[in-house]
């Protein structure tokens, strides 16, 4: 089993910053892509940012230039630095990791429990 634990959410005013962290643990052989997704009340879950094992990144248009995704492979951890936050960034943010388990031959997706980010105007 793989467990992803997020931290770093909270309440900030518009224009502020937060740094989210997600650490993976378990019988992991390797981690492929990692990413952050978010879901606001009444909306579908949406991709925020992804990062490959080699460090290539992809961002939703709505966060480009404001958010930065990074990872520390030695720690099995992915981060999301969020700057210039806007009220529309308010959502529950979920960490995702595509993992090859030890002894497995396939990739499997795992999700964290989510962390609340609230941005006030």
PDB file of N, CA and C in Angstrom:
ATOM      1  N   UNK A   1       0.841  -1.179   0.000  1.00  0.00           N
ATOM      2  CA  UNK A   1       0.000   0.000   0.000  1.00  0.00           C
ATOM      3  C   UNK A   1       0.888   1.246   0.000  1.00  0.00           C
ATOM      4  N   UNK A   2       0.427   2.266  -0.712  1.00  0.00           N
ATOM      5  CA  UNK A   2       1.105   3.549  -0.762  1.00  0.00           C
ATOM      6  C   UNK A   2       0.223   4.585  -0.093  1.00  0.00           C
ATOM      7  N   UNK A   3       0.833   5.386   0.733  1.00  0.00           N
ATOM      8  CA  UNK A   3       0.125   6.462   1.402  1.00  0.00           C
ATOM      9  C   UNK A   3       0.728   7.794   0.999  1.00  0.00           C
ATOM     10  N   UNK A   4      -0.126   8.736   0.641  1.00  0.00           N
ATOM     11  CA  UNK A   4       0.284  10.092   0.338  1.00  0.00           C
ATOM     12  C   UNK A   4      -0.307  11.017   1.389  1.00  0.00           C
ATOM     13  N   UNK A   5       0.534  11.814   1.993  1.00  0.00           N
ATOM     14  CA  UNK A   5       0.101  12.714   3.046  1.00  0.00           C
ATOM     15  C   UNK A   5       0.441  14.137   2.653  1.00  0.00           C
ATOM     16  N   UNK A   6      -0.589  14.976   2.547  1.00  0.00           N
ATOM     17  CA  UNK A   6      -0.412  16.378   2.201  1.00  0.00           C
ATOM     18  C   UNK A   6      -0.363  17.240   3.455  1.00  0.00           C
ATOM     19  N   UNK A   7       0.311  18.355   3.329  1.00  0.00           N
ATOM     20  CA  UNK A   7       0.339  19.336   4.391  1.00  0.00           C
ATOM     21  C   UNK A   7       0.594  20.702   3.787  1.00  0.00           C
ATOM     22  N   UNK A   8       0.364  21.738   4.565  1.00  0.00           N
ATOM     23  CA  UNK A   8       0.685  23.082   4.145  1.00  0.00           C
ATOM     24  C   UNK A   8      -0.488  23.952   3.766  1.00  0.00           C
ATOM     25  N   UNK A   9      -1.686  23.393   3.750  1.00  0.00           N
ATOM     26  CA  UNK A   9      -2.849  24.196   3.437  1.00  0.00           C
ATOM     27  C   UNK A   9      -3.173  25.161   4.555  1.00  0.00           C
ATOM     28  N   UNK A  10      -4.081  26.071   4.260  1.00  0.00           N
ATOM     29  CA  UNK A  10      -4.467  27.041   5.261  1.00  0.00           C
ATOM     30  C   UNK A  10      -5.248  28.181   4.660  1.00  0.00           C
ATOM     31  N   UNK A  11      -5.373  29.233   5.446  1.00  0.00           N
ATOM     32  CA  UNK A  11      -6.110  30.424   5.063  1.00  0.00           C
ATOM     33  C   UNK A  11      -5.135  31.568   4.831  1.00  0.00           C
ATOM     34  N   UNK A  12      -5.225  32.181   3.667  1.00  0.00           N
ATOM     35  CA  UNK A  12      -4.384  33.324   3.338  1.00  0.00           C
ATOM     36  C   UNK A  12      -5.220  34.382   2.640  1.00  0.00           C
ATOM     37  N   UNK A  13      -4.730  35.602   2.672  1.00  0.00           N
ATOM     38  CA  UNK A  13      -5.376  36.673   1.934  1.00  0.00           C
ATOM     39  C   UNK A  13      -4.910  36.675   0.481  1.00  0.00           C
ATOM     40  N   UNK A  14      -5.729  37.243  -0.370  1.00  0.00           N
ATOM     41  CA  UNK A  14      -5.363  37.358  -1.778  1.00  0.00           C
ATOM     42  C   UNK A  14      -4.002  38.027  -1.909  1.00  0.00           C
ATOM     43  N   UNK A  15      -3.189  37.468  -2.793  1.00  0.00           N
ATOM     44  CA  UNK A  15      -1.838  37.960  -2.978  1.00  0.00           C
ATOM     45  C   UNK A  15      -0.806  37.245  -2.138  1.00  0.00           C
ATOM     46  N   UNK A  16      -1.253  36.446  -1.201  1.00  0.00           N
ATOM     47  CA  UNK A  16      -0.347  35.722  -0.335  1.00  0.00           C
ATOM     48  C   UNK A  16       0.171  34.449  -0.961  1.00  0.00           C
ATOM     49  N   UNK A  17       0.922  33.703  -0.162  1.00  0.00           N
ATOM     50  CA  UNK A  17       1.573  32.490  -0.641  1.00  0.00           C
ATOM     51  C   UNK A  17       1.370  31.338   0.325  1.00  0.00           C
ATOM     52  N   UNK A  18       1.365  30.146  -0.226  1.00  0.00           N
ATOM     53  CA  UNK A  18       1.367  28.915   0.539  1.00  0.00           C
ATOM     54  C   UNK A  18       2.258  27.911  -0.161  1.00  0.00           C
ATOM     55  N   UNK A  19       2.796  27.001   0.609  1.00  0.00           N
ATOM     56  CA  UNK A  19       3.599  25.918   0.058  1.00  0.00           C
ATOM     57  C   UNK A  19       3.019  24.596   0.529  1.00  0.00           C
ATOM     58  N   UNK A  20       2.543  23.804  -0.403  1.00  0.00           N
ATOM     59  CA  UNK A  20       1.995  22.498  -0.106  1.00  0.00           C
ATOM     60  C   UNK A  20       3.075  21.438  -0.254  1.00  0.00           C
ATOM     61  N   UNK A  21       2.972  20.420   0.565  1.00  0.00           N
ATOM     62  CA  UNK A  21       3.909  19.317   0.530  1.00  0.00           C
ATOM     63  C   UNK A  21       3.139  18.008   0.544  1.00  0.00           C
ATOM     64  N   UNK A  22       3.643  17.030  -0.165  1.00  0.00           N
ATOM     65  CA  UNK A  22       3.036  15.704  -0.199  1.00  0.00           C
ATOM     66  C   UNK A  22       4.139  14.666  -0.209  1.00  0.00           C
ATOM     67  N   UNK A  23       4.115  13.799   0.776  1.00  0.00           N
ATOM     68  CA  UNK A  23       5.122  12.753   0.903  1.00  0.00           C
ATOM     69  C   UNK A  23       4.492  11.386   0.711  1.00  0.00           C
ATOM     70  N   UNK A  24       5.141  10.564  -0.081  1.00  0.00           N
ATOM     71  CA  UNK A  24       4.675   9.213  -0.358  1.00  0.00           C
ATOM     72  C   UNK A  24       5.484   8.206   0.441  1.00  0.00           C
ATOM     73  N   UNK A  25       4.798   7.208   0.943  1.00  0.00           N
ATOM     74  CA  UNK A  25       5.469   6.147   1.674  1.00  0.00           C
ATOM     75  C   UNK A  25       4.824   4.812   1.327  1.00  0.00           C
ATOM     76  N   UNK A  26       5.559   3.760   1.555  1.00  0.00           N
ATOM     77  CA  UNK A  26       5.078   2.428   1.250  1.00  0.00           C
ATOM     78  C   UNK A  26       6.132   1.634   0.507  1.00  0.00           C
ATOM     79  N   UNK A  27       5.709   0.481   0.007  1.00  0.00           N
ATOM     80  CA  UNK A  27       6.638  -0.381  -0.722  1.00  0.00           C
ATOM     81  C   UNK A  27       6.710   0.090  -2.171  1.00  0.00           C
ATOM     82  N   UNK A  28       7.438   1.147  -2.372  1.00  0.00           N
ATOM     83  CA  UNK A  28       7.529   1.827  -3.659  1.00  0.00           C
ATOM     84  C   UNK A  28       8.795   1.412  -4.375  1.00  0.00           C
ATOM     85  N   UNK A  29       8.636   0.948  -5.593  1.00  0.00           N
ATOM     86  CA  UNK A  29       9.789   0.676  -6.437  1.00  0.00           C
ATOM     87  C   UNK A  29      10.255   1.957  -7.122  1.00  0.00           C
ATOM     88  N   UNK A  30       9.308   2.684  -7.674  1.00  0.00           N
ATOM     89  CA  UNK A  30       9.618   3.949  -8.307  1.00  0.00           C
ATOM     90  C   UNK A  30       8.346   4.775  -8.404  1.00  0.00           C
ATOM     91  N   UNK A  31       8.531   6.068  -8.546  1.00  0.00           N
ATOM     92  CA  UNK A  31       7.425   6.982  -8.753  1.00  0.00           C
ATOM     93  C   UNK A  31       7.613   7.666 -10.091  1.00  0.00           C
ATOM     94  N   UNK A  32       6.607   7.563 -10.922  1.00  0.00           N
ATOM     95  CA  UNK A  32       6.633   8.213 -12.216  1.00  0.00           C
ATOM     96  C   UNK A  32       6.170   9.661 -12.040  1.00  0.00           C
ATOM     97  N   UNK A  33       5.043  10.002 -12.626  1.00  0.00           N
ATOM     98  CA  UNK A  33       4.544  11.367 -12.494  1.00  0.00           C
ATOM     99  C   UNK A  33       3.978  11.612 -11.102  1.00  0.00           C
ATOM    100  N   UNK A  34       4.068  12.842 -10.667  1.00  0.00           N
ATOM    101  CA  UNK A  34       3.377  13.308  -9.482  1.00  0.00           C
ATOM    102  C   UNK A  34       2.637  14.583  -9.862  1.00  0.00           C
ATOM    103  N   UNK A  35       1.603  14.876  -9.129  1.00  0.00           N
ATOM    104  CA  UNK A  35       0.850  16.064  -9.478  1.00  0.00           C
ATOM    105  C   UNK A  35      -0.040  16.557  -8.367  1.00  0.00           C
ATOM    106  N   UNK A  36      -0.583  17.719  -8.620  1.00  0.00           N
ATOM    107  CA  UNK A  36      -1.551  18.336  -7.732  1.00  0.00           C
ATOM    108  C   UNK A  36      -2.832  18.601  -8.494  1.00  0.00           C
ATOM    109  N   UNK A  37      -3.948  18.279  -7.873  1.00  0.00           N
ATOM    110  CA  UNK A  37      -5.271  18.535  -8.400  1.00  0.00           C
ATOM    111  C   UNK A  37      -6.060  19.280  -7.340  1.00  0.00           C
ATOM    112  N   UNK A  38      -7.107  19.940  -7.768  1.00  0.00           N
ATOM    113  CA  UNK A  38      -7.924  20.651  -6.797  1.00  0.00           C
ATOM    114  C   UNK A  38      -9.388  20.536  -7.159  1.00  0.00           C
ATOM    115  N   UNK A  39     -10.212  20.669  -6.145  1.00  0.00           N
ATOM    116  CA  UNK A  39     -11.645  20.631  -6.335  1.00  0.00           C
ATOM    117  C   UNK A  39     -12.287  21.695  -5.464  1.00  0.00           C
ATOM    118  N   UNK A  40     -12.942  22.638  -6.110  1.00  0.00           N
ATOM    119  CA  UNK A  40     -13.664  23.690  -5.429  1.00  0.00           C
ATOM    120  C   UNK A  40     -15.115  23.266  -5.250  1.00  0.00           C
ATOM    121  N   UNK A  41     -15.804  23.843  -4.284  1.00  0.00           N
ATOM    122  CA  UNK A  41     -17.208  23.494  -4.072  1.00  0.00           C
ATOM    123  C   UNK A  41     -18.031  23.682  -5.341  1.00  0.00           C
ATOM    124  N   UNK A  42     -18.792  22.664  -5.695  1.00  0.00           N
ATOM    125  CA  UNK A  42     -19.646  22.735  -6.863  1.00  0.00           C
ATOM    126  C   UNK A  42     -18.943  22.561  -8.186  1.00  0.00           C
ATOM    127  N   UNK A  43     -17.666  22.270  -8.171  1.00  0.00           N
ATOM    128  CA  UNK A  43     -16.911  22.119  -9.404  1.00  0.00           C
ATOM    129  C   UNK A  43     -16.260  20.745  -9.481  1.00  0.00           C
ATOM    130  N   UNK A  44     -15.882  20.378 -10.691  1.00  0.00           N
ATOM    131  CA  UNK A  44     -15.168  19.133 -10.907  1.00  0.00           C
ATOM    132  C   UNK A  44     -13.714  19.269 -10.486  1.00  0.00           C
ATOM    133  N   UNK A  45     -13.123  18.149 -10.147  1.00  0.00           N
ATOM    134  CA  UNK A  45     -11.698  18.145  -9.872  1.00  0.00           C
ATOM    135  C   UNK A  45     -10.926  18.539 -11.129  1.00  0.00           C
ATOM    136  N   UNK A  46      -9.915  19.355 -10.963  1.00  0.00           N
ATOM    137  CA  UNK A  46      -9.132  19.802 -12.093  1.00  0.00           C
ATOM    138  C   UNK A  46      -7.645  19.658 -11.816  1.00  0.00           C
ATOM    139  N   UNK A  47      -6.910  19.449 -12.872  1.00  0.00           N
ATOM    140  CA  UNK A  47      -5.464  19.368 -12.773  1.00  0.00           C
ATOM    141  C   UNK A  47      -4.893  20.750 -12.512  1.00  0.00           C
ATOM    142  N   UNK A  48      -3.952  20.818 -11.589  1.00  0.00           N
ATOM    143  CA  UNK A  48      -3.249  22.056 -11.303  1.00  0.00           C
ATOM    144  C   UNK A  48      -1.858  22.029 -11.923  1.00  0.00           C
ATOM    145  N   UNK A  49      -1.095  20.995 -11.608  1.00  0.00           N
ATOM    146  CA  UNK A  49       0.269  20.893 -12.104  1.00  0.00           C
ATOM    147  C   UNK A  49       0.733  19.457 -11.991  1.00  0.00           C
ATOM    148  N   UNK A  50       1.604  19.063 -12.896  1.00  0.00           N
ATOM    149  CA  UNK A  50       2.223  17.749 -12.839  1.00  0.00           C
ATOM    150  C   UNK A  50       3.719  17.889 -13.049  1.00  0.00           C
ATOM    151  N   UNK A  51       4.433  16.885 -12.591  1.00  0.00           N
ATOM    152  CA  UNK A  51       5.876  16.848 -12.776  1.00  0.00           C
ATOM    153  C   UNK A  51       6.299  15.408 -12.989  1.00  0.00           C
ATOM    154  N   UNK A  52       7.126  15.189 -13.985  1.00  0.00           N
ATOM    155  CA  UNK A  52       7.604  13.851 -14.276  1.00  0.00           C
ATOM    156  C   UNK A  52       8.782  13.503 -13.384  1.00  0.00           C
ATOM    157  N   UNK A  53       9.201  12.256 -13.465  1.00  0.00           N
ATOM    158  CA  UNK A  53      10.330  11.814 -12.664  1.00  0.00           C
ATOM    159  C   UNK A  53      11.620  12.538 -13.031  1.00  0.00           C
ATOM    160  N   UNK A  54      11.701  13.033 -14.251  1.00  0.00           N
ATOM    161  CA  UNK A  54      12.884  13.755 -14.698  1.00  0.00           C
ATOM    162  C   UNK A  54      12.784  15.256 -14.481  1.00  0.00           C
ATOM    163  N   UNK A  55      11.634  15.725 -13.999  1.00  0.00           N
ATOM    164  CA  UNK A  55      11.501  17.123 -13.663  1.00  0.00           C
ATOM    165  C   UNK A  55      10.744  17.983 -14.647  1.00  0.00           C
ATOM    166  N   UNK A  56      10.213  17.406 -15.711  1.00  0.00           N
ATOM    167  CA  UNK A  56       9.411  18.182 -16.647  1.00  0.00           C
ATOM    168  C   UNK A  56       8.071  18.522 -16.020  1.00  0.00           C
ATOM    169  N   UNK A  57       7.630  19.749 -16.215  1.00  0.00           N
ATOM    170  CA  UNK A  57       6.420  20.228 -15.552  1.00  0.00           C
ATOM    171  C   UNK A  57       5.353  20.629 -16.543  1.00  0.00           C
ATOM    172  N   UNK A  58       4.129  20.619 -16.054  1.00  0.00           N
ATOM    173  CA  UNK A  58       2.983  21.051 -16.825  1.00  0.00           C
ATOM    174  C   UNK A  58       2.019  21.733 -15.868  1.00  0.00           C
ATOM    175  N   UNK A  59       1.432  22.842 -16.318  1.00  0.00           N
ATOM    176  CA  UNK A  59       0.552  23.627 -15.470  1.00  0.00           C
ATOM    177  C   UNK A  59      -0.753  23.940 -16.160  1.00  0.00           C
ATOM    178  N   UNK A  60      -1.791  24.020 -15.363  1.00  0.00           N
ATOM    179  CA  UNK A  60      -3.034  24.568 -15.863  1.00  0.00           C
ATOM    180  C   UNK A  60      -2.830  26.032 -16.221  1.00  0.00           C
ATOM    181  N   UNK A  61      -3.524  26.485 -17.247  1.00  0.00           N
ATOM    182  CA  UNK A  61      -3.367  27.872 -17.675  1.00  0.00           C
ATOM    183  C   UNK A  61      -3.678  28.852 -16.548  1.00  0.00           C
ATOM    184  N   UNK A  62      -4.604  28.493 -15.693  1.00  0.00           N
ATOM    185  CA  UNK A  62      -5.039  29.395 -14.649  1.00  0.00           C
ATOM    186  C   UNK A  62      -3.979  29.655 -13.582  1.00  0.00           C
ATOM    187  N   UNK A  63      -2.962  28.810 -13.513  1.00  0.00           N
ATOM    188  CA  UNK A  63      -1.945  28.964 -12.469  1.00  0.00           C
ATOM    189  C   UNK A  63      -0.559  29.236 -13.021  1.00  0.00           C
ATOM    190  N   UNK A  64      -0.404  29.242 -14.318  1.00  0.00           N
ATOM    191  CA  UNK A  64       0.902  29.488 -14.912  1.00  0.00           C
ATOM    192  C   UNK A  64       1.452  30.843 -14.472  1.00  0.00           C
ATOM    193  N   UNK A  65       2.711  30.840 -14.108  1.00  0.00           N
ATOM    194  CA  UNK A  65       3.344  32.062 -13.652  1.00  0.00           C
ATOM    195  C   UNK A  65       3.157  32.347 -12.188  1.00  0.00           C
ATOM    196  N   UNK A  66       2.266  31.634 -11.531  1.00  0.00           N
ATOM    197  CA  UNK A  66       2.009  31.848 -10.114  1.00  0.00           C
ATOM    198  C   UNK A  66       2.400  30.652  -9.257  1.00  0.00           C
ATOM    199  N   UNK A  67       2.176  29.446  -9.775  1.00  0.00           N
ATOM    200  CA  UNK A  67       2.457  28.230  -9.026  1.00  0.00           C
ATOM    201  C   UNK A  67       3.697  27.551  -9.584  1.00  0.00           C
ATOM    202  N   UNK A  68       4.421  26.873  -8.727  1.00  0.00           N
ATOM    203  CA  UNK A  68       5.581  26.103  -9.129  1.00  0.00           C
ATOM    204  C   UNK A  68       5.530  24.733  -8.468  1.00  0.00           C
ATOM    205  N   UNK A  69       5.592  23.698  -9.276  1.00  0.00           N
ATOM    206  CA  UNK A  69       5.644  22.343  -8.753  1.00  0.00           C
ATOM    207  C   UNK A  69       7.092  21.865  -8.778  1.00  0.00           C
ATOM    208  N   UNK A  70       7.476  21.136  -7.760  1.00  0.00           N
ATOM    209  CA  UNK A  70       8.820  20.593  -7.683  1.00  0.00           C
ATOM    210  C   UNK A  70       8.768  19.274  -6.927  1.00  0.00           C
ATOM    211  N   UNK A  71       9.853  18.537  -6.955  1.00  0.00           N
ATOM    212  CA  UNK A  71       9.884  17.264  -6.251  1.00  0.00           C
ATOM    213  C   UNK A  71      11.281  16.965  -5.750  1.00  0.00           C
ATOM    214  N   UNK A  72      11.321  16.186  -4.705  1.00  0.00           N
ATOM    215  CA  UNK A  72      12.557  15.684  -4.140  1.00  0.00           C
ATOM    216  C   UNK A  72      12.461  14.168  -4.209  1.00  0.00           C
ATOM    217  N   UNK A  73      13.110  13.589  -5.190  1.00  0.00           N
ATOM    218  CA  UNK A  73      12.977  12.155  -5.410  1.00  0.00           C
ATOM    219  C   UNK A  73      13.542  11.334  -4.250  1.00  0.00           C
ATOM    220  N   UNK A  74      14.571  11.849  -3.614  1.00  0.00           N
ATOM    221  CA  UNK A  74      15.154  11.132  -2.488  1.00  0.00           C
ATOM    222  C   UNK A  74      14.186  11.029  -1.324  1.00  0.00           C
ATOM    223  N   UNK A  75      13.267  11.976  -1.226  1.00  0.00           N
ATOM    224  CA  UNK A  75      12.295  11.996  -0.140  1.00  0.00           C
ATOM    225  C   UNK A  75      10.906  11.564  -0.577  1.00  0.00           C
ATOM    226  N   UNK A  76      10.752  11.193  -1.844  1.00  0.00           N
ATOM    227  CA  UNK A  76       9.438  10.837  -2.387  1.00  0.00           C
ATOM    228  C   UNK A  76       8.399  11.914  -2.079  1.00  0.00           C
ATOM    229  N   UNK A  77       8.793  13.140  -2.300  1.00  0.00           N
ATOM    230  CA  UNK A  77       7.964  14.276  -1.924  1.00  0.00           C
ATOM    231  C   UNK A  77       7.787  15.219  -3.101  1.00  0.00           C
ATOM    232  N   UNK A  78       6.577  15.721  -3.250  1.00  0.00           N
ATOM    233  CA  UNK A  78       6.271  16.724  -4.253  1.00  0.00           C
ATOM    234  C   UNK A  78       5.754  17.967  -3.541  1.00  0.00           C
ATOM    235  N   UNK A  79       6.098  19.118  -4.087  1.00  0.00           N
ATOM    236  CA  UNK A  79       5.725  20.387  -3.498  1.00  0.00           C
ATOM    237  C   UNK A  79       4.937  21.223  -4.500  1.00  0.00           C
ATOM    238  N   UNK A  80       4.156  22.117  -3.974  1.00  0.00           N
ATOM    239  CA  UNK A  80       3.485  23.106  -4.798  1.00  0.00           C
ATOM    240  C   UNK A  80       3.625  24.458  -4.122  1.00  0.00           C
ATOM    241  N   UNK A  81       4.459  25.299  -4.691  1.00  0.00           N
ATOM    242  CA  UNK A  81       4.603  26.663  -4.212  1.00  0.00           C
ATOM    243  C   UNK A  81       3.563  27.524  -4.905  1.00  0.00           C
ATOM    244  N   UNK A  82       2.706  28.143  -4.126  1.00  0.00           N
ATOM    245  CA  UNK A  82       1.609  28.931  -4.659  1.00  0.00           C
ATOM    246  C   UNK A  82       1.812  30.382  -4.256  1.00  0.00           C
ATOM    247  N   UNK A  83       2.026  31.220  -5.240  1.00  0.00           N
ATOM    248  CA  UNK A  83       2.206  32.646  -5.019  1.00  0.00           C
ATOM    249  C   UNK A  83       1.076  33.424  -5.678  1.00  0.00           C
ATOM    250  N   UNK A  84       0.942  34.667  -5.271  1.00  0.00           N
ATOM    251  CA  UNK A  84      -0.087  35.543  -5.835  1.00  0.00           C
ATOM    252  C   UNK A  84      -1.450  34.872  -5.837  1.00  0.00           C
ATOM    253  N   UNK A  85      -1.797  34.308  -4.716  1.00  0.00           N
ATOM    254  CA  UNK A  85      -3.035  33.544  -4.623  1.00  0.00           C
ATOM    255  C   UNK A  85      -4.258  34.425  -4.826  1.00  0.00           C
ATOM    256  N   UNK A  86      -5.250  33.841  -5.456  1.00  0.00           N
ATOM    257  CA  UNK A  86      -6.507  34.505  -5.748  1.00  0.00           C
ATOM    258  C   UNK A  86      -7.650  33.763  -5.076  1.00  0.00           C
ATOM    259  N   UNK A  87      -8.749  34.443  -4.802  1.00  0.00           N
ATOM    260  CA  UNK A  87      -9.891  33.747  -4.209  1.00  0.00           C
ATOM    261  C   UNK A  87     -10.339  32.533  -5.013  1.00  0.00           C
ATOM    262  N   UNK A  88     -10.224  32.581  -6.320  1.00  0.00           N
ATOM    263  CA  UNK A  88     -10.623  31.453  -7.141  1.00  0.00           C
ATOM    264  C   UNK A  88      -9.703  30.249  -7.014  1.00  0.00           C
ATOM    265  N   UNK A  89      -8.588  30.404  -6.314  1.00  0.00           N
ATOM    266  CA  UNK A  89      -7.726  29.263  -6.008  1.00  0.00           C
ATOM    267  C   UNK A  89      -8.247  28.449  -4.830  1.00  0.00           C
ATOM    268  N   UNK A  90      -9.246  28.952  -4.153  1.00  0.00           N
ATOM    269  CA  UNK A  90      -9.808  28.251  -3.005  1.00  0.00           C
ATOM    270  C   UNK A  90     -10.341  26.890  -3.424  1.00  0.00           C
ATOM    271  N   UNK A  91      -9.867  25.848  -2.771  1.00  0.00           N
ATOM    272  CA  UNK A  91     -10.248  24.488  -3.118  1.00  0.00           C
ATOM    273  C   UNK A  91      -9.576  23.525  -2.152  1.00  0.00           C
ATOM    274  N   UNK A  92      -9.990  22.280  -2.225  1.00  0.00           N
ATOM    275  CA  UNK A  92      -9.238  21.209  -1.597  1.00  0.00           C
ATOM    276  C   UNK A  92      -8.215  20.724  -2.611  1.00  0.00           C
ATOM    277  N   UNK A  93      -6.976  20.695  -2.203  1.00  0.00           N
ATOM    278  CA  UNK A  93      -5.894  20.298  -3.084  1.00  0.00           C
ATOM    279  C   UNK A  93      -5.482  18.867  -2.767  1.00  0.00           C
ATOM    280  N   UNK A  94      -5.405  18.058  -3.809  1.00  0.00           N
ATOM    281  CA  UNK A  94      -5.089  16.646  -3.679  1.00  0.00           C
ATOM    282  C   UNK A  94      -3.779  16.329  -4.375  1.00  0.00           C
ATOM    283  N   UNK A  95      -2.966  15.572  -3.701  1.00  0.00           N
ATOM    284  CA  UNK A  95      -1.727  15.077  -4.270  1.00  0.00           C
ATOM    285  C   UNK A  95      -1.981  13.759  -4.984  1.00  0.00           C
ATOM    286  N   UNK A  96      -1.310  13.570  -6.098  1.00  0.00           N
ATOM    287  CA  UNK A  96      -1.407  12.332  -6.860  1.00  0.00           C
ATOM    288  C   UNK A  96      -0.014  11.835  -7.209  1.00  0.00           C
ATOM    289  N   UNK A  97       0.153  10.531  -7.157  1.00  0.00           N
ATOM    290  CA  UNK A  97       1.414   9.931  -7.568  1.00  0.00           C
ATOM    291  C   UNK A  97       1.138   8.672  -8.359  1.00  0.00           C
ATOM    292  N   UNK A  98       1.855   8.508  -9.446  1.00  0.00           N
ATOM    293  CA  UNK A  98       1.777   7.303 -10.263  1.00  0.00           C
ATOM    294  C   UNK A  98       2.982   6.445  -9.884  1.00  0.00           C
ATOM    295  N   UNK A  99       2.695   5.290  -9.315  1.00  0.00           N
ATOM    296  CA  UNK A  99       3.692   4.518  -8.597  1.00  0.00           C
ATOM    297  C   UNK A  99       3.814   3.117  -9.173  1.00  0.00           C
ATOM    298  N   UNK A 100       5.040   2.628  -9.247  1.00  0.00           N
ATOM    299  CA  UNK A 100       5.294   1.214  -9.457  1.00  0.00           C
ATOM    300  C   UNK A 100       5.635   0.623  -8.099  1.00  0.00           C
ATOM    301  N   UNK A 101       4.804  -0.267  -7.620  1.00  0.00           N
ATOM    302  CA  UNK A 101       5.054  -0.905  -6.344  1.00  0.00           C
ATOM    303  C   UNK A 101       6.160  -1.934  -6.465  1.00  0.00           C
ATOM    304  N   UNK A 102       6.850  -2.160  -5.378  1.00  0.00           N
ATOM    305  CA  UNK A 102       7.848  -3.214  -5.345  1.00  0.00           C
ATOM    306  C   UNK A 102       7.204  -4.543  -5.709  1.00  0.00           C
ATOM    307  N   UNK A 103       7.799  -5.245  -6.650  1.00  0.00           N
ATOM    308  CA  UNK A 103       7.272  -6.526  -7.090  1.00  0.00           C
ATOM    309  C   UNK A 103       6.171  -6.435  -8.120  1.00  0.00           C
ATOM    310  N   UNK A 104       5.840  -5.236  -8.564  1.00  0.00           N
ATOM    311  CA  UNK A 104       4.771  -5.029  -9.528  1.00  0.00           C
ATOM    312  C   UNK A 104       5.332  -4.701 -10.900  1.00  0.00           C
ATOM    313  N   UNK A 105       4.494  -4.897 -11.908  1.00  0.00           N
ATOM    314  CA  UNK A 105       4.869  -4.573 -13.280  1.00  0.00           C
ATOM    315  C   UNK A 105       3.960  -3.514 -13.888  1.00  0.00           C
ATOM    316  N   UNK A 106       3.213  -2.823 -13.071  1.00  0.00           N
ATOM    317  CA  UNK A 106       2.283  -1.836 -13.581  1.00  0.00           C
ATOM    318  C   UNK A 106       2.305  -0.566 -12.755  1.00  0.00           C
ATOM    319  N   UNK A 107       1.875   0.506 -13.378  1.00  0.00           N
ATOM    320  CA  UNK A 107       1.717   1.785 -12.708  1.00  0.00           C
ATOM    321  C   UNK A 107       0.335   1.873 -12.081  1.00  0.00           C
ATOM    322  N   UNK A 108       0.287   2.423 -10.892  1.00  0.00           N
ATOM    323  CA  UNK A 108      -0.971   2.626 -10.196  1.00  0.00           C
ATOM    324  C   UNK A 108      -1.016   4.031  -9.620  1.00  0.00           C
ATOM    325  N   UNK A 109      -2.187   4.638  -9.678  1.00  0.00           N
ATOM    326  CA  UNK A 109      -2.368   5.983  -9.142  1.00  0.00           C
ATOM    327  C   UNK A 109      -2.795   5.931  -7.688  1.00  0.00           C
ATOM    328  N   UNK A 110      -2.197   6.806  -6.897  1.00  0.00           N
ATOM    329  CA  UNK A 110      -2.560   6.948  -5.498  1.00  0.00           C
ATOM    330  C   UNK A 110      -2.837   8.412  -5.214  1.00  0.00           C
ATOM    331  N   UNK A 111      -3.731   8.619  -4.257  1.00  0.00           N
ATOM    332  CA  UNK A 111      -4.188   9.965  -3.926  1.00  0.00           C
ATOM    333  C   UNK A 111      -4.044  10.249  -2.443  1.00  0.00           C
ATOM    334  N   UNK A 112      -3.727  11.484  -2.141  1.00  0.00           N
ATOM    335  CA  UNK A 112      -3.734  11.929  -0.764  1.00  0.00           C
ATOM    336  C   UNK A 112      -5.132  12.263  -0.302  1.00  0.00           C
ATOM    337  N   UNK A 113      -5.245  12.588   0.967  1.00  0.00           N
ATOM    338  CA  UNK A 113      -6.562  12.858   1.551  1.00  0.00           C
ATOM    339  C   UNK A 113      -7.053  14.272   1.273  1.00  0.00           C
ATOM    340  N   UNK A 114      -6.188  15.128   0.808  1.00  0.00           N
ATOM    341  CA  UNK A 114      -6.551  16.491   0.489  1.00  0.00           C
ATOM    342  C   UNK A 114      -6.207  17.466   1.601  1.00  0.00           C
ATOM    343  N   UNK A 115      -5.896  18.677   1.205  1.00  0.00           N
ATOM    344  CA  UNK A 115      -5.642  19.748   2.158  1.00  0.00           C
ATOM    345  C   UNK A 115      -6.360  21.003   1.681  1.00  0.00           C
ATOM    346  N   UNK A 116      -7.016  21.676   2.598  1.00  0.00           N
ATOM    347  CA  UNK A 116      -7.842  22.830   2.252  1.00  0.00           C
ATOM    348  C   UNK A 116      -6.986  24.075   2.084  1.00  0.00           C
ATOM    349  N   UNK A 117      -7.207  24.763   0.986  1.00  0.00           N
ATOM    350  CA  UNK A 117      -6.614  26.069   0.745  1.00  0.00           C
ATOM    351  C   UNK A 117      -7.746  27.067   0.581  1.00  0.00           C
ATOM    352  N   UNK A 118      -7.735  28.088   1.404  1.00  0.00           N
ATOM    353  CA  UNK A 118      -8.755  29.116   1.346  1.00  0.00           C
ATOM    354  C   UNK A 118      -8.085  30.473   1.177  1.00  0.00           C
ATOM    355  N   UNK A 119      -8.499  31.203   0.157  1.00  0.00           N
ATOM    356  CA  UNK A 119      -7.937  32.512  -0.144  1.00  0.00           C
ATOM    357  C   UNK A 119      -9.042  33.544  -0.008  1.00  0.00           C
ATOM    358  N   UNK A 120      -8.872  34.460   0.900  1.00  0.00           N
ATOM    359  CA  UNK A 120      -9.863  35.499   1.131  1.00  0.00           C
ATOM    360  C   UNK A 120      -9.555  36.719   0.279  1.00  0.00           C
ATOM    361  N   UNK A 121     -10.583  37.472  -0.053  1.00  0.00           N
ATOM    362  CA  UNK A 121     -10.430  38.649  -0.888  1.00  0.00           C
ATOM    363  C   UNK A 121     -10.019  39.863  -0.090  1.00  0.00           C
TER     364      UNK A 121
END
